[in-house]
Amino acid sequence: MSHITLLGKQVEVKQSSNRYEVGIKGLVIEDSKNTIKVRTENGVKTLIKKNIILIFNNKEINCNLLIGKEEERIKRM
């Protein structure tokens, strides 16, 4: 799962340690080591990957598995 690319994908926050992030929907415009930026109807939201579960293509993704830069995640495979 660590090879998933979120950039350019539509996602929704299903679960988060920050209850205000639950339900955020939008397009992933940046994927960094510890955060993702999502463009929503209300602007760009920066989400910390730790303790977030996203819905993407009707599948749940535990973002704890996506911590680290994409090239580092590929090397871990």
C-alpha atoms as a PDB file:
ATOM      1  CA  MET A   1       0.000   0.000   0.000  1.00  0.00           C
ATOM      2  CA  SER A   2       2.926   2.362   0.535  1.00  0.00           C
ATOM      3  CA  HIS A   3       3.244   2.921  -3.241  1.00  0.00           C
ATOM      4  CA  ILE A   4      -0.117   4.710  -3.541  1.00  0.00           C
ATOM      5  CA  THR A   5       0.069   8.125  -5.183  1.00  0.00           C
ATOM      6  CA  LEU A   6      -2.546  10.540  -3.868  1.00  0.00           C
ATOM      7  CA  LEU A   7      -1.503  13.565  -5.917  1.00  0.00           C
ATOM      8  CA  GLY A   8      -4.344  14.605  -8.212  1.00  0.00           C
ATOM      9  CA  LYS A   9      -6.864  12.255  -6.591  1.00  0.00           C
ATOM     10  CA  GLN A  10     -10.217  13.043  -4.966  1.00  0.00           C
ATOM     11  CA  VAL A  11     -10.231  12.035  -1.297  1.00  0.00           C
ATOM     12  CA  GLU A  12     -12.442  12.322   1.777  1.00  0.00           C
ATOM     13  CA  VAL A  13     -11.357  12.237   5.416  1.00  0.00           C
ATOM     14  CA  LYS A  14     -13.232   9.383   7.086  1.00  0.00           C
ATOM     15  CA  GLN A  15     -11.447   9.421  10.441  1.00  0.00           C
ATOM     16  CA  SER A  16      -8.998  11.800  12.087  1.00  0.00           C
ATOM     17  CA  SER A  17      -7.627  12.597  15.515  1.00  0.00           C
ATOM     18  CA  ASN A  18      -8.906  16.124  14.749  1.00  0.00           C
ATOM     19  CA  ARG A  19     -12.700  15.852  14.600  1.00  0.00           C
ATOM     20  CA  TYR A  20     -12.920  19.053  12.529  1.00  0.00           C
ATOM     21  CA  GLU A  21     -11.137  17.315   9.647  1.00  0.00           C
ATOM     22  CA  VAL A  22     -13.658  14.470   9.352  1.00  0.00           C
ATOM     23  CA  GLY A  23     -15.698  14.924   6.188  1.00  0.00           C
ATOM     24  CA  ILE A  24     -13.223  17.158   4.362  1.00  0.00           C
ATOM     25  CA  LYS A  25     -13.409  16.343   0.646  1.00  0.00           C
ATOM     26  CA  GLY A  26     -11.271  17.553  -2.175  1.00  0.00           C
ATOM     27  CA  LEU A  27      -8.421  17.163  -4.624  1.00  0.00           C
ATOM     28  CA  VAL A  28      -4.932  16.347  -3.323  1.00  0.00           C
ATOM     29  CA  ILE A  29      -2.626  19.068  -4.663  1.00  0.00           C
ATOM     30  CA  GLU A  30       0.496  18.317  -2.614  1.00  0.00           C
ATOM     31  CA  ASP A  31       1.889  15.235  -0.864  1.00  0.00           C
ATOM     32  CA  SER A  32       4.858  15.915   1.402  1.00  0.00           C
ATOM     33  CA  LYS A  33       6.641  13.808   4.001  1.00  0.00           C
ATOM     34  CA  ASN A  34       4.137  14.355   6.836  1.00  0.00           C
ATOM     35  CA  THR A  35       1.229  16.269   5.280  1.00  0.00           C
ATOM     36  CA  ILE A  36      -1.088  16.414   2.322  1.00  0.00           C
ATOM     37  CA  LYS A  37      -2.775  19.529   0.966  1.00  0.00           C
ATOM     38  CA  VAL A  38      -6.343  19.176  -0.243  1.00  0.00           C
ATOM     39  CA  ARG A  39      -8.148  21.779  -2.352  1.00  0.00           C
ATOM     40  CA  THR A  40     -11.729  21.947  -1.062  1.00  0.00           C
ATOM     41  CA  GLU A  41     -14.689  24.169  -1.908  1.00  0.00           C
ATOM     42  CA  ASN A  42     -13.611  26.366   1.024  1.00  0.00           C
ATOM     43  CA  GLY A  43      -9.928  26.655   0.135  1.00  0.00           C
ATOM     44  CA  VAL A  44      -6.801  24.601   0.673  1.00  0.00           C
ATOM     45  CA  LYS A  45      -6.581  22.461   3.817  1.00  0.00           C
ATOM     46  CA  THR A  46      -3.320  21.018   5.129  1.00  0.00           C
ATOM     47  CA  LEU A  47      -3.799  17.631   6.775  1.00  0.00           C
ATOM     48  CA  ILE A  48      -1.225  15.872   8.925  1.00  0.00           C
ATOM     49  CA  LYS A  49      -0.968  12.261   7.708  1.00  0.00           C
ATOM     50  CA  LYS A  50      -0.582  10.795  11.190  1.00  0.00           C
ATOM     51  CA  ASN A  51      -3.841   9.284  12.489  1.00  0.00           C
ATOM     52  CA  ILE A  52      -5.956  10.019   9.393  1.00  0.00           C
ATOM     53  CA  ILE A  53      -7.976   7.538   7.370  1.00  0.00           C
ATOM     54  CA  LEU A  54      -8.933   8.667   3.865  1.00  0.00           C
ATOM     55  CA  ILE A  55     -11.460   7.287   1.425  1.00  0.00           C
ATOM     56  CA  PHE A  56     -10.044   7.069  -2.096  1.00  0.00           C
ATOM     57  CA  ASN A  57     -11.685   5.048  -4.911  1.00  0.00           C
ATOM     58  CA  ASN A  58     -14.121   3.575  -2.343  1.00  0.00           C
ATOM     59  CA  LYS A  59     -11.211   2.179  -0.312  1.00  0.00           C
ATOM     60  CA  GLU A  60      -9.939   3.214   3.095  1.00  0.00           C
ATOM     61  CA  ILE A  61      -6.320   4.317   3.291  1.00  0.00           C
ATOM     62  CA  ASN A  62      -4.508   4.590   6.616  1.00  0.00           C
ATOM     63  CA  CYS A  63      -2.226   7.582   6.088  1.00  0.00           C
ATOM     64  CA  ASN A  64       0.143   6.368   8.822  1.00  0.00           C
ATOM     65  CA  LEU A  65       1.405   4.015   6.092  1.00  0.00           C
ATOM     66  CA  LEU A  66       2.022   6.986   3.792  1.00  0.00           C
ATOM     67  CA  ILE A  67       4.264   8.992   6.110  1.00  0.00           C
ATOM     68  CA  GLY A  68       7.492   9.849   4.315  1.00  0.00           C
ATOM     69  CA  LYS A  69       8.282  11.196   0.873  1.00  0.00           C
ATOM     70  CA  GLU A  70       6.901   9.181  -2.022  1.00  0.00           C
ATOM     71  CA  GLU A  71      10.358   8.147  -3.227  1.00  0.00           C
ATOM     72  CA  GLU A  72      11.183   6.890   0.306  1.00  0.00           C
ATOM     73  CA  ARG A  73       7.939   4.900   0.444  1.00  0.00           C
ATOM     74  CA  ILE A  74       8.780   3.216  -2.862  1.00  0.00           C
ATOM     75  CA  LYS A  75      12.228   2.223  -1.558  1.00  0.00           C
ATOM     76  CA  ARG A  76      10.616   0.557   1.507  1.00  0.00           C
ATOM     77  CA  MET A  77       8.565  -1.783  -0.686  1.00  0.00           C
END
